[in-house]
Amino acid sequence: MNMSDIINQKITAALAPTQFEVINESHLHAGHMDTSSNNTHFRLIIVAQKFEGLRALQRHKMVYGILSEEMPATIHALALDLKSPSETNEGA
């Protein structure tokens, strides 16, 4: 299983997101650190009810906790776009 699949599995199980996208941005960091595995830099776009009422820092900590086994050993960088349904068109 590649890192995108692992991220997908863990986030889906923990947050049951209504929208979720894993974007591998490792190719944008060629020559930076060891990018030979091509699975080191990711952007996650997540909409989940579990984010409702939480501040950005609390949401980030939640995601980092879910992926704690992969960070920082395997995942070098993680960009996060985290919203609750009420902050999107879903909540309108």
N, C-alpha and C. Protein backbone atom coordinates (compact mmCIF):
# COMPACT_ATOMS: atom_id res chain seq x y z
N MET A 1 0.85 -1.18 0.00
CA MET A 1 0.00 0.00 0.00
C MET A 1 0.90 1.24 0.00
N ASN A 2 0.61 2.20 -0.90
CA ASN A 2 1.43 3.40 -0.92
C ASN A 2 0.93 4.41 0.12
N MET A 3 1.69 5.48 0.32
CA MET A 3 1.38 6.43 1.38
C MET A 3 0.03 7.12 1.15
N SER A 4 -0.32 7.42 -0.08
CA SER A 4 -1.64 8.03 -0.35
C SER A 4 -2.76 7.11 0.12
N ASP A 5 -2.62 5.82 -0.11
CA ASP A 5 -3.63 4.86 0.32
C ASP A 5 -3.71 4.77 1.84
N ILE A 6 -2.56 4.80 2.49
CA ILE A 6 -2.52 4.75 3.96
C ILE A 6 -3.20 5.98 4.54
N ILE A 7 -2.87 7.16 4.00
CA ILE A 7 -3.50 8.40 4.46
C ILE A 7 -5.01 8.31 4.26
N ASN A 8 -5.42 7.89 3.08
CA ASN A 8 -6.84 7.78 2.76
C ASN A 8 -7.55 6.86 3.75
N GLN A 9 -6.97 5.71 3.99
CA GLN A 9 -7.57 4.73 4.90
C GLN A 9 -7.70 5.28 6.32
N LYS A 10 -6.64 5.88 6.84
CA LYS A 10 -6.65 6.37 8.22
C LYS A 10 -7.60 7.55 8.42
N ILE A 11 -7.56 8.51 7.49
CA ILE A 11 -8.43 9.68 7.62
C ILE A 11 -9.89 9.28 7.47
N THR A 12 -10.19 8.43 6.52
CA THR A 12 -11.56 7.99 6.30
C THR A 12 -12.10 7.26 7.53
N ALA A 13 -11.30 6.39 8.11
CA ALA A 13 -11.73 5.64 9.29
C ALA A 13 -11.94 6.55 10.50
N ALA A 14 -11.07 7.53 10.68
CA ALA A 14 -11.12 8.37 11.87
C ALA A 14 -12.13 9.52 11.78
N LEU A 15 -12.29 10.08 10.58
CA LEU A 15 -13.09 11.30 10.46
C LEU A 15 -14.39 11.14 9.67
N ALA A 16 -14.55 10.07 8.93
CA ALA A 16 -15.73 9.88 8.07
C ALA A 16 -16.04 11.16 7.30
N PRO A 17 -15.09 11.66 6.52
CA PRO A 17 -15.28 12.94 5.84
C PRO A 17 -16.37 12.88 4.77
N THR A 18 -17.03 14.02 4.57
CA THR A 18 -18.02 14.12 3.50
C THR A 18 -17.34 14.50 2.19
N GLN A 19 -16.18 15.14 2.28
CA GLN A 19 -15.32 15.41 1.13
C GLN A 19 -13.90 15.14 1.56
N PHE A 20 -13.12 14.54 0.67
CA PHE A 20 -11.74 14.21 1.03
C PHE A 20 -10.92 14.03 -0.22
N GLU A 21 -9.78 14.68 -0.25
CA GLU A 21 -8.86 14.54 -1.38
C GLU A 21 -7.43 14.51 -0.85
N VAL A 22 -6.66 13.55 -1.34
CA VAL A 22 -5.24 13.45 -1.05
C VAL A 22 -4.50 13.84 -2.32
N ILE A 23 -3.66 14.87 -2.23
CA ILE A 23 -2.89 15.31 -3.39
C ILE A 23 -1.42 15.11 -3.07
N ASN A 24 -0.76 14.28 -3.87
CA ASN A 24 0.66 14.03 -3.69
C ASN A 24 1.43 15.16 -4.38
N GLU A 25 2.12 15.97 -3.59
CA GLU A 25 2.88 17.11 -4.12
C GLU A 25 4.38 16.85 -4.09
N SER A 26 4.78 15.60 -3.94
CA SER A 26 6.20 15.27 -3.83
C SER A 26 6.99 15.71 -5.05
N HIS A 27 6.38 15.64 -6.22
CA HIS A 27 7.08 16.03 -7.45
C HIS A 27 7.47 17.51 -7.45
N LEU A 28 6.79 18.32 -6.65
CA LEU A 28 7.10 19.75 -6.57
C LEU A 28 8.35 20.02 -5.74
N HIS A 29 8.85 18.99 -5.09
CA HIS A 29 9.98 19.15 -4.17
C HIS A 29 11.19 18.34 -4.62
N ALA A 30 11.32 18.12 -5.90
CA ALA A 30 12.46 17.37 -6.44
C ALA A 30 13.76 18.03 -6.00
N GLY A 31 14.68 17.23 -5.51
CA GLY A 31 15.96 17.74 -5.03
C GLY A 31 15.93 18.20 -3.59
N HIS A 32 14.76 18.25 -3.00
CA HIS A 32 14.61 18.66 -1.61
C HIS A 32 14.49 17.40 -0.76
N MET A 33 15.42 17.22 0.15
CA MET A 33 15.48 16.00 0.97
C MET A 33 15.56 14.78 0.07
N ASP A 34 15.12 13.65 0.57
CA ASP A 34 15.11 12.42 -0.22
C ASP A 34 13.70 12.22 -0.77
N THR A 35 13.48 12.63 -2.00
CA THR A 35 12.16 12.47 -2.60
C THR A 35 12.13 11.26 -3.53
N SER A 36 13.09 10.37 -3.38
CA SER A 36 13.14 9.20 -4.26
C SER A 36 11.90 8.32 -4.13
N SER A 37 11.28 8.29 -2.97
CA SER A 37 10.08 7.47 -2.79
C SER A 37 8.86 8.13 -3.43
N ASN A 38 8.94 9.42 -3.69
CA ASN A 38 7.85 10.17 -4.32
C ASN A 38 6.57 10.12 -3.49
N ASN A 39 6.70 9.92 -2.19
CA ASN A 39 5.56 9.88 -1.28
C ASN A 39 5.89 10.60 0.02
N THR A 40 6.35 11.85 -0.09
CA THR A 40 6.81 12.56 1.09
C THR A 40 6.07 13.85 1.37
N HIS A 41 5.46 14.46 0.36
CA HIS A 41 4.80 15.76 0.50
C HIS A 41 3.35 15.64 0.02
N PHE A 42 2.41 15.99 0.91
CA PHE A 42 0.99 15.83 0.58
C PHE A 42 0.18 17.06 0.96
N ARG A 43 -0.90 17.26 0.23
CA ARG A 43 -1.92 18.25 0.56
C ARG A 43 -3.21 17.47 0.78
N LEU A 44 -3.86 17.74 1.92
CA LEU A 44 -5.13 17.08 2.22
C LEU A 44 -6.24 18.12 2.27
N ILE A 45 -7.30 17.85 1.56
CA ILE A 45 -8.50 18.69 1.60
C ILE A 45 -9.58 17.83 2.24
N ILE A 46 -10.03 18.25 3.41
CA ILE A 46 -10.97 17.43 4.18
C ILE A 46 -12.14 18.28 4.67
N VAL A 47 -13.34 17.80 4.44
CA VAL A 47 -14.55 18.37 5.03
C VAL A 47 -15.14 17.28 5.91
N ALA A 48 -15.27 17.57 7.20
CA ALA A 48 -15.77 16.55 8.13
C ALA A 48 -16.58 17.20 9.25
N GLN A 49 -17.65 16.55 9.62
CA GLN A 49 -18.49 17.02 10.72
C GLN A 49 -17.70 17.13 12.01
N LYS A 50 -16.72 16.27 12.19
CA LYS A 50 -15.92 16.27 13.42
C LYS A 50 -15.12 17.56 13.59
N PHE A 51 -15.00 18.38 12.54
CA PHE A 51 -14.30 19.66 12.64
C PHE A 51 -15.22 20.78 13.14
N GLU A 52 -16.52 20.52 13.19
CA GLU A 52 -17.48 21.54 13.59
C GLU A 52 -17.15 22.07 14.99
N GLY A 53 -17.05 23.38 15.12
CA GLY A 53 -16.79 24.01 16.41
C GLY A 53 -15.33 24.02 16.83
N LEU A 54 -14.45 23.44 16.03
CA LEU A 54 -13.03 23.41 16.36
C LEU A 54 -12.28 24.52 15.63
N ARG A 55 -11.28 25.07 16.29
CA ARG A 55 -10.41 26.05 15.65
C ARG A 55 -9.42 25.33 14.74
N ALA A 56 -8.80 26.11 13.86
CA ALA A 56 -7.86 25.55 12.88
C ALA A 56 -6.77 24.72 13.57
N LEU A 57 -6.19 25.23 14.64
CA LEU A 57 -5.12 24.52 15.32
C LEU A 57 -5.60 23.18 15.87
N GLN A 58 -6.80 23.15 16.42
CA GLN A 58 -7.36 21.90 16.94
C GLN A 58 -7.58 20.88 15.81
N ARG A 59 -8.02 21.36 14.68
CA ARG A 59 -8.23 20.49 13.52
C ARG A 59 -6.90 19.91 13.04
N HIS A 60 -5.89 20.78 12.95
CA HIS A 60 -4.57 20.33 12.51
C HIS A 60 -4.02 19.28 13.47
N LYS A 61 -4.14 19.54 14.76
CA LYS A 61 -3.65 18.57 15.75
C LYS A 61 -4.37 17.23 15.62
N MET A 62 -5.65 17.27 15.31
CA MET A 62 -6.43 16.05 15.14
C MET A 62 -5.87 15.23 13.97
N VAL A 63 -5.62 15.88 12.85
CA VAL A 63 -5.10 15.18 11.67
C VAL A 63 -3.69 14.69 11.93
N TYR A 64 -2.85 15.52 12.55
CA TYR A 64 -1.48 15.08 12.87
C TYR A 64 -1.51 13.87 13.80
N GLY A 65 -2.45 13.84 14.73
CA GLY A 65 -2.58 12.70 15.63
C GLY A 65 -2.96 11.43 14.88
N ILE A 66 -3.86 11.56 13.93
CA ILE A 66 -4.29 10.40 13.13
C ILE A 66 -3.12 9.84 12.33
N LEU A 67 -2.24 10.73 11.85
CA LEU A 67 -1.11 10.32 11.01
C LEU A 67 0.21 10.30 11.78
N SER A 68 0.15 10.20 13.10
CA SER A 68 1.36 10.29 13.93
C SER A 68 2.40 9.22 13.61
N GLU A 69 1.98 8.04 13.20
CA GLU A 69 2.94 6.98 12.88
C GLU A 69 3.71 7.29 11.60
N GLU A 70 3.10 8.06 10.71
CA GLU A 70 3.73 8.38 9.43
C GLU A 70 4.56 9.66 9.47
N MET A 71 4.34 10.50 10.47
CA MET A 71 5.05 11.77 10.56
C MET A 71 6.04 11.73 11.71
N PRO A 72 7.22 12.24 11.55
CA PRO A 72 7.83 12.76 10.33
C PRO A 72 8.67 11.72 9.58
N ALA A 73 8.61 10.48 10.00
CA ALA A 73 9.46 9.44 9.40
C ALA A 73 9.23 9.28 7.91
N THR A 74 7.98 9.22 7.48
CA THR A 74 7.67 8.99 6.07
C THR A 74 7.14 10.24 5.40
N ILE A 75 6.19 10.91 6.04
CA ILE A 75 5.64 12.15 5.49
C ILE A 75 6.52 13.30 5.97
N HIS A 76 7.09 14.03 5.02
CA HIS A 76 7.96 15.15 5.35
C HIS A 76 7.16 16.45 5.48
N ALA A 77 6.15 16.64 4.64
CA ALA A 77 5.36 17.87 4.65
C ALA A 77 3.89 17.54 4.40
N LEU A 78 3.04 18.26 5.13
CA LEU A 78 1.60 18.03 5.03
C LEU A 78 0.90 19.39 5.03
N ALA A 79 0.31 19.76 3.91
CA ALA A 79 -0.49 20.99 3.81
C ALA A 79 -1.94 20.59 4.02
N LEU A 80 -2.65 21.35 4.86
CA LEU A 80 -4.00 20.96 5.24
C LEU A 80 -5.02 22.05 4.95
N ASP A 81 -6.12 21.66 4.33
CA ASP A 81 -7.28 22.52 4.13
C ASP A 81 -8.44 21.79 4.79
N LEU A 82 -8.79 22.22 6.01
CA LEU A 82 -9.73 21.49 6.85
C LEU A 82 -10.96 22.34 7.14
N LYS A 83 -12.14 21.83 6.80
CA LYS A 83 -13.37 22.58 7.01
C LYS A 83 -14.47 21.67 7.55
N SER A 84 -15.42 22.30 8.21
CA SER A 84 -16.64 21.59 8.60
C SER A 84 -17.66 21.78 7.48
N PRO A 85 -18.69 20.95 7.42
CA PRO A 85 -19.70 21.11 6.36
C PRO A 85 -20.36 22.49 6.35
N SER A 86 -20.52 23.11 7.52
CA SER A 86 -21.15 24.43 7.58
C SER A 86 -20.28 25.53 6.96
N GLU A 87 -19.01 25.24 6.73
CA GLU A 87 -18.09 26.20 6.12
C GLU A 87 -17.98 26.01 4.61
N THR A 88 -18.78 25.11 4.07
CA THR A 88 -18.76 24.83 2.64
C THR A 88 -20.18 24.95 2.08
N ASN A 89 -20.32 24.66 0.82
CA ASN A 89 -21.65 24.67 0.20
C ASN A 89 -22.55 23.58 0.78
N GLU A 90 -21.93 22.55 1.38
CA GLU A 90 -22.72 21.47 1.99
C GLU A 90 -23.59 21.98 3.12
N GLY A 91 -23.06 22.97 3.85
CA GLY A 91 -23.77 23.48 5.02
C GLY A 91 -24.72 24.61 4.70
N ALA A 92 -24.76 25.02 3.44
CA ALA A 92 -25.60 26.16 3.06
C ALA A 92 -27.04 25.74 2.83
